[in-house]
Amino acid sequence: MFSKEEAKQLRLAFWQKLENRTRRLPGQRGEVKKWILDNTGIRGVDLRFDVDRQKAMVALEISHRDEDRRLMLFAKLDACKNIFEESFGTPLTWELAYEKSPGHYVSRVFVQMQGDIYQQEQWPSMIKFLIYNMVNLETAFLEVKDFLKYDELGQ
């Protein structure tokens, strides 16, 4: 087991290693990759990395606090599921209502692998998985962004 401080340092080291690895992506020229993440341009829609003791995950998360809006955005995304998954390159897992914390639900589309952030020997495969799939998720998101945003423009 790790102390709280040791666990914190391991998590920090993992995220720093991931960031450093993005400097070697094509077109980055040694710069850190600027991911879309929470800057999608659509309120309540974020792209997320999630790593813990069981998994490494890349997800598109719809967390709009207005449930009707969240469900409508998920329905729009589901309507273009074939385009989204084709652009991503593989089938994804789709969850309409995931309880992120007690009483707080989000909708999400994701891909994950087993992994443990505290096992450093797993880091290379986890980091490769995260980078590869986030690049694909960004590509898929940009393919459908205008369709998802259409309602938000008041049209």
N, C-alpha and C. Protein backbone atom coordinates (compact mmCIF):
# COMPACT_ATOMS: atom_id res chain seq x y z
N MET A 1 0.83 -1.19 0.00
CA MET A 1 0.00 0.00 0.00
C MET A 1 0.87 1.24 0.00
N PHE A 2 0.28 2.30 -0.47
CA PHE A 2 0.98 3.57 -0.54
C PHE A 2 0.37 4.54 0.46
N SER A 3 1.20 5.43 0.98
CA SER A 3 0.67 6.52 1.81
C SER A 3 -0.07 7.48 0.88
N LYS A 4 -0.85 8.38 1.45
CA LYS A 4 -1.57 9.36 0.63
C LYS A 4 -0.59 10.18 -0.21
N GLU A 5 0.51 10.55 0.40
CA GLU A 5 1.50 11.37 -0.30
C GLU A 5 2.17 10.58 -1.43
N GLU A 6 2.48 9.32 -1.18
CA GLU A 6 3.09 8.47 -2.22
C GLU A 6 2.12 8.27 -3.39
N ALA A 7 0.86 8.03 -3.07
CA ALA A 7 -0.15 7.85 -4.10
C ALA A 7 -0.30 9.13 -4.93
N LYS A 8 -0.31 10.26 -4.25
CA LYS A 8 -0.41 11.55 -4.93
C LYS A 8 0.78 11.75 -5.87
N GLN A 9 1.98 11.44 -5.40
CA GLN A 9 3.18 11.59 -6.22
C GLN A 9 3.16 10.66 -7.43
N LEU A 10 2.67 9.44 -7.26
CA LEU A 10 2.56 8.51 -8.39
C LEU A 10 1.58 9.03 -9.43
N ARG A 11 0.42 9.51 -8.99
CA ARG A 11 -0.56 10.06 -9.93
C ARG A 11 0.03 11.26 -10.68
N LEU A 12 0.69 12.13 -9.96
CA LEU A 12 1.31 13.30 -10.58
C LEU A 12 2.37 12.86 -11.61
N ALA A 13 3.19 11.89 -11.25
CA ALA A 13 4.22 11.40 -12.17
C ALA A 13 3.59 10.78 -13.42
N PHE A 14 2.49 10.06 -13.25
CA PHE A 14 1.80 9.47 -14.40
C PHE A 14 1.35 10.55 -15.37
N TRP A 15 0.67 11.59 -14.87
CA TRP A 15 0.14 12.64 -15.73
C TRP A 15 1.27 13.45 -16.38
N GLN A 16 2.38 13.63 -15.66
CA GLN A 16 3.53 14.31 -16.26
C GLN A 16 4.13 13.47 -17.38
N LYS A 17 4.20 12.17 -17.17
CA LYS A 17 4.73 11.27 -18.20
C LYS A 17 3.82 11.30 -19.44
N LEU A 18 2.51 11.30 -19.23
CA LEU A 18 1.56 11.39 -20.34
C LEU A 18 1.78 12.71 -21.10
N GLU A 19 1.88 13.80 -20.37
CA GLU A 19 2.09 15.10 -21.01
C GLU A 19 3.39 15.12 -21.80
N ASN A 20 4.45 14.61 -21.21
CA ASN A 20 5.74 14.59 -21.90
C ASN A 20 5.69 13.73 -23.16
N ARG A 21 4.95 12.63 -23.11
CA ARG A 21 4.83 11.74 -24.28
C ARG A 21 4.12 12.43 -25.44
N THR A 22 3.21 13.37 -25.14
CA THR A 22 2.49 14.07 -26.22
C THR A 22 3.41 14.99 -27.01
N ARG A 23 4.57 15.31 -26.47
CA ARG A 23 5.53 16.16 -27.19
C ARG A 23 6.08 15.45 -28.43
N ARG A 24 5.98 14.12 -28.44
CA ARG A 24 6.53 13.34 -29.55
C ARG A 24 5.48 12.98 -30.59
N LEU A 25 4.27 13.50 -30.45
CA LEU A 25 3.23 13.22 -31.46
C LEU A 25 3.55 13.95 -32.75
N PRO A 26 3.15 13.39 -33.89
CA PRO A 26 3.39 14.06 -35.17
C PRO A 26 2.81 15.48 -35.15
N GLY A 27 3.62 16.42 -35.61
CA GLY A 27 3.17 17.81 -35.70
C GLY A 27 3.35 18.62 -34.43
N GLN A 28 3.78 18.02 -33.35
CA GLN A 28 3.91 18.75 -32.08
C GLN A 28 5.26 19.47 -31.97
N ARG A 29 6.26 19.02 -32.69
CA ARG A 29 7.58 19.66 -32.69
C ARG A 29 8.09 19.96 -31.28
N GLY A 30 7.91 18.99 -30.37
CA GLY A 30 8.40 19.16 -29.01
C GLY A 30 7.47 19.93 -28.09
N GLU A 31 6.35 20.41 -28.62
CA GLU A 31 5.37 21.14 -27.81
C GLU A 31 4.41 20.14 -27.16
N VAL A 32 3.86 20.52 -26.02
CA VAL A 32 2.84 19.71 -25.36
C VAL A 32 1.57 19.77 -26.19
N LYS A 33 0.93 18.63 -26.41
CA LYS A 33 -0.33 18.56 -27.16
C LYS A 33 -1.42 19.30 -26.41
N LYS A 34 -2.13 20.16 -27.11
CA LYS A 34 -3.27 20.87 -26.54
C LYS A 34 -4.53 20.08 -26.88
N TRP A 35 -5.04 19.33 -25.90
CA TRP A 35 -6.24 18.53 -26.10
C TRP A 35 -7.47 19.43 -26.05
N ILE A 36 -8.55 19.00 -26.69
CA ILE A 36 -9.81 19.75 -26.65
C ILE A 36 -10.37 19.71 -25.22
N LEU A 37 -10.47 18.54 -24.63
CA LEU A 37 -10.97 18.30 -23.28
C LEU A 37 -12.22 19.10 -22.96
N ASP A 38 -12.14 20.10 -22.06
CA ASP A 38 -13.35 20.83 -21.68
C ASP A 38 -13.57 22.08 -22.52
N ASN A 39 -12.82 22.23 -23.57
CA ASN A 39 -12.95 23.37 -24.46
C ASN A 39 -13.59 22.95 -25.79
N THR A 40 -14.72 22.23 -25.69
CA THR A 40 -15.36 21.68 -26.88
C THR A 40 -16.18 22.71 -27.64
N GLY A 41 -16.53 23.80 -26.98
CA GLY A 41 -17.40 24.79 -27.62
C GLY A 41 -18.87 24.47 -27.45
N ILE A 42 -19.17 23.40 -26.73
CA ILE A 42 -20.55 23.02 -26.44
C ILE A 42 -20.68 22.88 -24.93
N ARG A 43 -21.50 23.71 -24.34
CA ARG A 43 -21.67 23.69 -22.89
C ARG A 43 -22.16 22.32 -22.42
N GLY A 44 -21.45 21.78 -21.43
CA GLY A 44 -21.83 20.50 -20.85
C GLY A 44 -21.27 19.28 -21.58
N VAL A 45 -20.44 19.50 -22.61
CA VAL A 45 -19.83 18.39 -23.34
C VAL A 45 -18.31 18.51 -23.17
N ASP A 46 -17.72 17.45 -22.64
CA ASP A 46 -16.28 17.43 -22.40
C ASP A 46 -15.68 16.12 -22.89
N LEU A 47 -14.41 16.17 -23.24
CA LEU A 47 -13.65 14.96 -23.53
C LEU A 47 -12.77 14.72 -22.32
N ARG A 48 -12.72 13.49 -21.85
CA ARG A 48 -12.07 13.19 -20.58
C ARG A 48 -11.09 12.02 -20.66
N PHE A 49 -10.00 12.17 -19.90
CA PHE A 49 -9.13 11.06 -19.54
C PHE A 49 -9.56 10.65 -18.15
N ASP A 50 -9.58 9.36 -17.86
CA ASP A 50 -9.87 8.88 -16.51
C ASP A 50 -8.99 7.66 -16.26
N VAL A 51 -8.20 7.74 -15.21
CA VAL A 51 -7.30 6.65 -14.86
C VAL A 51 -7.41 6.41 -13.36
N ASP A 52 -7.55 5.14 -12.97
CA ASP A 52 -7.62 4.82 -11.55
C ASP A 52 -7.00 3.45 -11.30
N ARG A 53 -7.40 2.79 -10.23
CA ARG A 53 -6.82 1.50 -9.86
C ARG A 53 -7.32 0.35 -10.72
N GLN A 54 -8.40 0.55 -11.48
CA GLN A 54 -8.97 -0.53 -12.29
C GLN A 54 -8.86 -0.32 -13.80
N LYS A 55 -8.75 0.94 -14.25
CA LYS A 55 -8.90 1.19 -15.68
C LYS A 55 -8.21 2.46 -16.13
N ALA A 56 -8.04 2.54 -17.45
CA ALA A 56 -7.70 3.77 -18.15
C ALA A 56 -8.83 3.98 -19.15
N MET A 57 -9.39 5.19 -19.17
CA MET A 57 -10.56 5.46 -20.00
C MET A 57 -10.42 6.79 -20.73
N VAL A 58 -10.95 6.80 -21.95
CA VAL A 58 -11.10 8.03 -22.72
C VAL A 58 -12.60 8.13 -23.00
N ALA A 59 -13.19 9.30 -22.70
CA ALA A 59 -14.65 9.42 -22.82
C ALA A 59 -15.07 10.78 -23.33
N LEU A 60 -16.17 10.78 -24.06
CA LEU A 60 -16.92 12.00 -24.33
C LEU A 60 -18.02 11.99 -23.29
N GLU A 61 -18.08 13.04 -22.49
CA GLU A 61 -19.03 13.08 -21.37
C GLU A 61 -19.97 14.26 -21.54
N ILE A 62 -21.25 13.98 -21.40
CA ILE A 62 -22.27 15.02 -21.44
C ILE A 62 -22.78 15.19 -20.01
N SER A 63 -22.42 16.33 -19.43
CA SER A 63 -22.71 16.54 -18.01
C SER A 63 -23.58 17.77 -17.77
N HIS A 64 -24.32 18.20 -18.78
CA HIS A 64 -25.16 19.39 -18.64
C HIS A 64 -26.07 19.22 -17.43
N ARG A 65 -26.15 20.25 -16.59
CA ARG A 65 -26.95 20.09 -15.36
C ARG A 65 -28.45 20.02 -15.63
N ASP A 66 -28.88 20.52 -16.78
CA ASP A 66 -30.28 20.39 -17.18
C ASP A 66 -30.45 19.01 -17.80
N GLU A 67 -31.17 18.13 -17.11
CA GLU A 67 -31.29 16.74 -17.57
C GLU A 67 -31.88 16.63 -18.96
N ASP A 68 -32.89 17.45 -19.27
CA ASP A 68 -33.49 17.41 -20.60
C ASP A 68 -32.46 17.75 -21.67
N ARG A 69 -31.64 18.74 -21.40
CA ARG A 69 -30.59 19.15 -22.34
C ARG A 69 -29.55 18.03 -22.49
N ARG A 70 -29.17 17.41 -21.36
CA ARG A 70 -28.21 16.31 -21.39
C ARG A 70 -28.74 15.16 -22.24
N LEU A 71 -29.99 14.80 -22.02
CA LEU A 71 -30.60 13.69 -22.76
C LEU A 71 -30.76 14.02 -24.24
N MET A 72 -31.07 15.28 -24.54
CA MET A 72 -31.22 15.70 -25.93
C MET A 72 -29.87 15.64 -26.65
N LEU A 73 -28.80 16.09 -25.99
CA LEU A 73 -27.47 16.02 -26.59
C LEU A 73 -27.04 14.57 -26.82
N PHE A 74 -27.35 13.70 -25.85
CA PHE A 74 -27.01 12.29 -26.02
C PHE A 74 -27.79 11.68 -27.18
N ALA A 75 -29.08 12.04 -27.29
CA ALA A 75 -29.91 11.52 -28.39
C ALA A 75 -29.35 11.99 -29.74
N LYS A 76 -28.90 13.24 -29.81
CA LYS A 76 -28.31 13.74 -31.06
C LYS A 76 -27.02 12.98 -31.38
N LEU A 77 -26.21 12.75 -30.36
CA LEU A 77 -24.97 12.00 -30.58
C LEU A 77 -25.29 10.57 -31.03
N ASP A 78 -26.28 9.97 -30.38
CA ASP A 78 -26.69 8.62 -30.74
C ASP A 78 -27.23 8.56 -32.17
N ALA A 79 -27.88 9.64 -32.62
CA ALA A 79 -28.42 9.68 -33.98
C ALA A 79 -27.31 9.62 -35.03
N CYS A 80 -26.12 10.09 -34.66
CA CYS A 80 -25.00 10.03 -35.61
C CYS A 80 -23.95 9.02 -35.14
N LYS A 81 -24.41 8.01 -34.43
CA LYS A 81 -23.53 6.98 -33.86
C LYS A 81 -22.64 6.33 -34.93
N ASN A 82 -23.21 5.98 -36.07
CA ASN A 82 -22.42 5.32 -37.12
C ASN A 82 -21.29 6.20 -37.60
N ILE A 83 -21.57 7.47 -37.82
CA ILE A 83 -20.54 8.41 -38.27
C ILE A 83 -19.48 8.57 -37.18
N PHE A 84 -19.94 8.72 -35.93
CA PHE A 84 -19.03 8.92 -34.80
C PHE A 84 -18.09 7.73 -34.63
N GLU A 85 -18.67 6.53 -34.61
CA GLU A 85 -17.85 5.34 -34.41
C GLU A 85 -16.96 5.04 -35.62
N GLU A 86 -17.45 5.32 -36.81
CA GLU A 86 -16.62 5.11 -38.00
C GLU A 86 -15.42 6.05 -37.97
N SER A 87 -15.66 7.28 -37.57
CA SER A 87 -14.57 8.25 -37.46
C SER A 87 -13.61 7.88 -36.33
N PHE A 88 -14.15 7.33 -35.24
CA PHE A 88 -13.31 6.89 -34.13
C PHE A 88 -12.47 5.67 -34.53
N GLY A 89 -13.09 4.78 -35.29
CA GLY A 89 -12.35 3.63 -35.79
C GLY A 89 -12.72 2.30 -35.16
N THR A 90 -13.56 2.32 -34.14
CA THR A 90 -13.97 1.08 -33.47
C THR A 90 -15.24 1.35 -32.68
N PRO A 91 -16.03 0.32 -32.39
CA PRO A 91 -17.23 0.53 -31.56
C PRO A 91 -16.86 1.04 -30.17
N LEU A 92 -17.75 1.82 -29.61
CA LEU A 92 -17.57 2.41 -28.28
C LEU A 92 -18.67 1.92 -27.36
N THR A 93 -18.50 2.17 -26.08
CA THR A 93 -19.53 1.87 -25.09
C THR A 93 -20.35 3.14 -24.89
N TRP A 94 -21.66 2.99 -24.93
CA TRP A 94 -22.59 4.13 -24.81
C TRP A 94 -23.40 3.97 -23.53
N GLU A 95 -23.36 4.96 -22.66
CA GLU A 95 -24.14 4.95 -21.41
C GLU A 95 -25.00 6.20 -21.33
N LEU A 96 -26.30 6.01 -21.28
CA LEU A 96 -27.24 7.13 -21.19
C LEU A 96 -27.17 7.82 -19.83
N ALA A 97 -27.09 7.03 -18.76
CA ALA A 97 -27.11 7.60 -17.41
C ALA A 97 -26.09 6.88 -16.53
N TYR A 98 -24.97 7.53 -16.30
CA TYR A 98 -23.93 7.00 -15.42
C TYR A 98 -23.89 7.89 -14.18
N GLU A 99 -23.99 7.28 -13.01
CA GLU A 99 -23.97 8.07 -11.77
C GLU A 99 -22.52 8.35 -11.39
N LYS A 100 -22.09 9.55 -11.68
CA LYS A 100 -20.69 9.95 -11.45
C LYS A 100 -20.42 10.16 -9.97
N SER A 101 -21.36 10.76 -9.31
CA SER A 101 -21.34 10.91 -7.86
C SER A 101 -22.79 10.85 -7.41
N PRO A 102 -23.03 10.63 -6.13
CA PRO A 102 -24.43 10.46 -5.69
C PRO A 102 -25.35 11.58 -6.18
N GLY A 103 -26.34 11.17 -6.97
CA GLY A 103 -27.33 12.10 -7.48
C GLY A 103 -26.88 12.90 -8.69
N HIS A 104 -25.66 12.72 -9.17
CA HIS A 104 -25.14 13.46 -10.32
C HIS A 104 -24.92 12.48 -11.48
N TYR A 105 -25.77 12.60 -12.48
CA TYR A 105 -25.71 11.70 -13.62
C TYR A 105 -25.12 12.41 -14.84
N VAL A 106 -24.38 11.64 -15.61
CA VAL A 106 -23.84 12.11 -16.89
C VAL A 106 -24.15 11.05 -17.93
N SER A 107 -24.10 11.45 -19.18
CA SER A 107 -24.16 10.50 -20.29
C SER A 107 -22.77 10.46 -20.86
N ARG A 108 -22.35 9.28 -21.33
CA ARG A 108 -20.99 9.21 -21.85
C ARG A 108 -20.84 8.13 -22.90
N VAL A 109 -19.86 8.35 -23.73
CA VAL A 109 -19.45 7.41 -24.76
C VAL A 109 -17.96 7.22 -24.51
N PHE A 110 -17.53 5.96 -24.39
CA PHE A 110 -16.14 5.76 -23.96
C PHE A 110 -15.55 4.45 -24.46
N VAL A 111 -14.23 4.38 -24.27
CA VAL A 111 -13.46 3.17 -24.49
C VAL A 111 -12.51 3.06 -23.30
N GLN A 112 -12.31 1.84 -22.83
CA GLN A 112 -11.43 1.67 -21.67
C GLN A 112 -10.63 0.39 -21.75
N MET A 113 -9.59 0.35 -20.96
CA MET A 113 -8.76 -0.85 -20.81
C MET A 113 -8.51 -1.05 -19.33
N GLN A 114 -8.19 -2.28 -18.95
CA GLN A 114 -7.82 -2.54 -17.56
C GLN A 114 -6.45 -1.97 -17.31
N GLY A 115 -6.27 -1.44 -16.12
CA GLY A 115 -4.97 -0.89 -15.76
C GLY A 115 -5.02 -0.31 -14.36
N ASP A 116 -3.86 -0.11 -13.78
CA ASP A 116 -3.75 0.41 -12.43
C ASP A 116 -2.71 1.52 -12.44
N ILE A 117 -3.14 2.73 -12.14
CA ILE A 117 -2.25 3.88 -12.18
C ILE A 117 -1.07 3.73 -11.21
N TYR A 118 -1.20 2.89 -10.20
CA TYR A 118 -0.13 2.72 -9.22
C TYR A 118 0.88 1.63 -9.60
N GLN A 119 0.67 1.00 -10.75
CA GLN A 119 1.60 -0.02 -11.24
C GLN A 119 2.40 0.59 -12.40
N GLN A 120 3.57 1.12 -12.10
CA GLN A 120 4.35 1.84 -13.10
C GLN A 120 4.70 1.00 -14.33
N GLU A 121 4.80 -0.30 -14.17
CA GLU A 121 5.11 -1.13 -15.34
C GLU A 121 3.96 -1.13 -16.35
N GLN A 122 2.76 -0.72 -15.93
CA GLN A 122 1.61 -0.64 -16.84
C GLN A 122 1.53 0.71 -17.55
N TRP A 123 2.28 1.67 -17.09
CA TRP A 123 2.17 3.02 -17.64
C TRP A 123 2.39 3.10 -19.14
N PRO A 124 3.41 2.48 -19.71
CA PRO A 124 3.60 2.62 -21.16
C PRO A 124 2.37 2.20 -21.98
N SER A 125 1.78 1.08 -21.64
CA SER A 125 0.61 0.63 -22.42
C SER A 125 -0.60 1.52 -22.12
N MET A 126 -0.75 1.98 -20.89
CA MET A 126 -1.87 2.87 -20.55
C MET A 126 -1.73 4.21 -21.27
N ILE A 127 -0.53 4.75 -21.29
CA ILE A 127 -0.30 6.05 -21.94
C ILE A 127 -0.52 5.93 -23.44
N LYS A 128 -0.02 4.86 -24.03
CA LYS A 128 -0.24 4.64 -25.46
C LYS A 128 -1.74 4.55 -25.76
N PHE A 129 -2.47 3.80 -24.94
CA PHE A 129 -3.92 3.66 -25.08
C PHE A 129 -4.61 5.02 -24.98
N LEU A 130 -4.27 5.80 -23.97
CA LEU A 130 -4.92 7.10 -23.76
C LEU A 130 -4.67 8.05 -24.92
N ILE A 131 -3.43 8.16 -25.35
CA ILE A 131 -3.10 9.09 -26.43
C ILE A 131 -3.77 8.65 -27.73
N TYR A 132 -3.62 7.40 -28.09
CA TYR A 132 -4.20 6.90 -29.34
C TYR A 132 -5.71 7.13 -29.37
N ASN A 133 -6.38 6.80 -28.29
CA ASN A 133 -7.83 6.91 -28.27
C ASN A 133 -8.33 8.35 -28.12
N MET A 134 -7.58 9.22 -27.45
CA MET A 134 -8.02 10.62 -27.36
C MET A 134 -7.85 11.30 -28.72
N VAL A 135 -6.80 10.98 -29.44
CA VAL A 135 -6.65 11.52 -30.80
C VAL A 135 -7.85 11.10 -31.64
N ASN A 136 -8.23 9.83 -31.56
CA ASN A 136 -9.39 9.33 -32.31
C ASN A 136 -10.70 9.95 -31.82
N LEU A 137 -10.83 10.15 -30.51
CA LEU A 137 -12.05 10.74 -29.97
C LEU A 137 -12.19 12.19 -30.42
N GLU A 138 -11.09 12.93 -30.41
CA GLU A 138 -11.14 14.31 -30.89
C GLU A 138 -11.56 14.35 -32.36
N THR A 139 -11.01 13.46 -33.16
CA THR A 139 -11.36 13.40 -34.58
C THR A 139 -12.85 13.10 -34.75
N ALA A 140 -13.35 12.12 -34.01
CA ALA A 140 -14.77 11.76 -34.10
C ALA A 140 -15.65 12.90 -33.62
N PHE A 141 -15.25 13.55 -32.53
CA PHE A 141 -16.04 14.67 -32.00
C PHE A 141 -16.11 15.80 -33.03
N LEU A 142 -14.99 16.15 -33.62
CA LEU A 142 -14.99 17.25 -34.60
C LEU A 142 -15.85 16.92 -35.81
N GLU A 143 -16.00 15.63 -36.11
CA GLU A 143 -16.84 15.20 -37.22
C GLU A 143 -18.33 15.51 -36.95
N VAL A 144 -18.75 15.47 -35.70
CA VAL A 144 -20.17 15.66 -35.36
C VAL A 144 -20.45 16.93 -34.57
N LYS A 145 -19.44 17.70 -34.29
CA LYS A 145 -19.58 18.89 -33.43
C LYS A 145 -20.65 19.86 -33.94
N ASP A 146 -20.61 20.19 -35.21
CA ASP A 146 -21.58 21.15 -35.73
C ASP A 146 -23.01 20.65 -35.59
N PHE A 147 -23.22 19.36 -35.80
CA PHE A 147 -24.55 18.77 -35.63
C PHE A 147 -25.00 18.88 -34.17
N LEU A 148 -24.11 18.60 -33.24
CA LEU A 148 -24.46 18.70 -31.81
C LEU A 148 -24.71 20.14 -31.41
N LYS A 149 -23.95 21.04 -31.97
CA LYS A 149 -24.03 22.45 -31.60
C LYS A 149 -25.21 23.16 -32.26
N TYR A 150 -25.75 22.63 -33.32
CA TYR A 150 -26.79 23.28 -34.11
C TYR A 150 -27.89 23.85 -33.23
N ASP A 151 -28.43 23.09 -32.30
CA ASP A 151 -29.50 23.55 -31.42
C ASP A 151 -29.03 24.68 -30.53
N GLU A 152 -27.77 24.61 -30.09
CA GLU A 152 -27.23 25.60 -29.18
C GLU A 152 -27.16 26.97 -29.82
N LEU A 153 -27.10 27.03 -31.14
CA LEU A 153 -27.04 28.31 -31.83
C LEU A 153 -28.42 28.95 -31.96
N GLY A 154 -29.43 28.29 -31.42
CA GLY A 154 -30.79 28.82 -31.47
C GLY A 154 -31.44 28.63 -32.83
N GLN A 155 -31.01 27.65 -33.57
CA GLN A 155 -31.57 27.42 -34.91
C GLN A 155 -32.46 26.22 -34.91
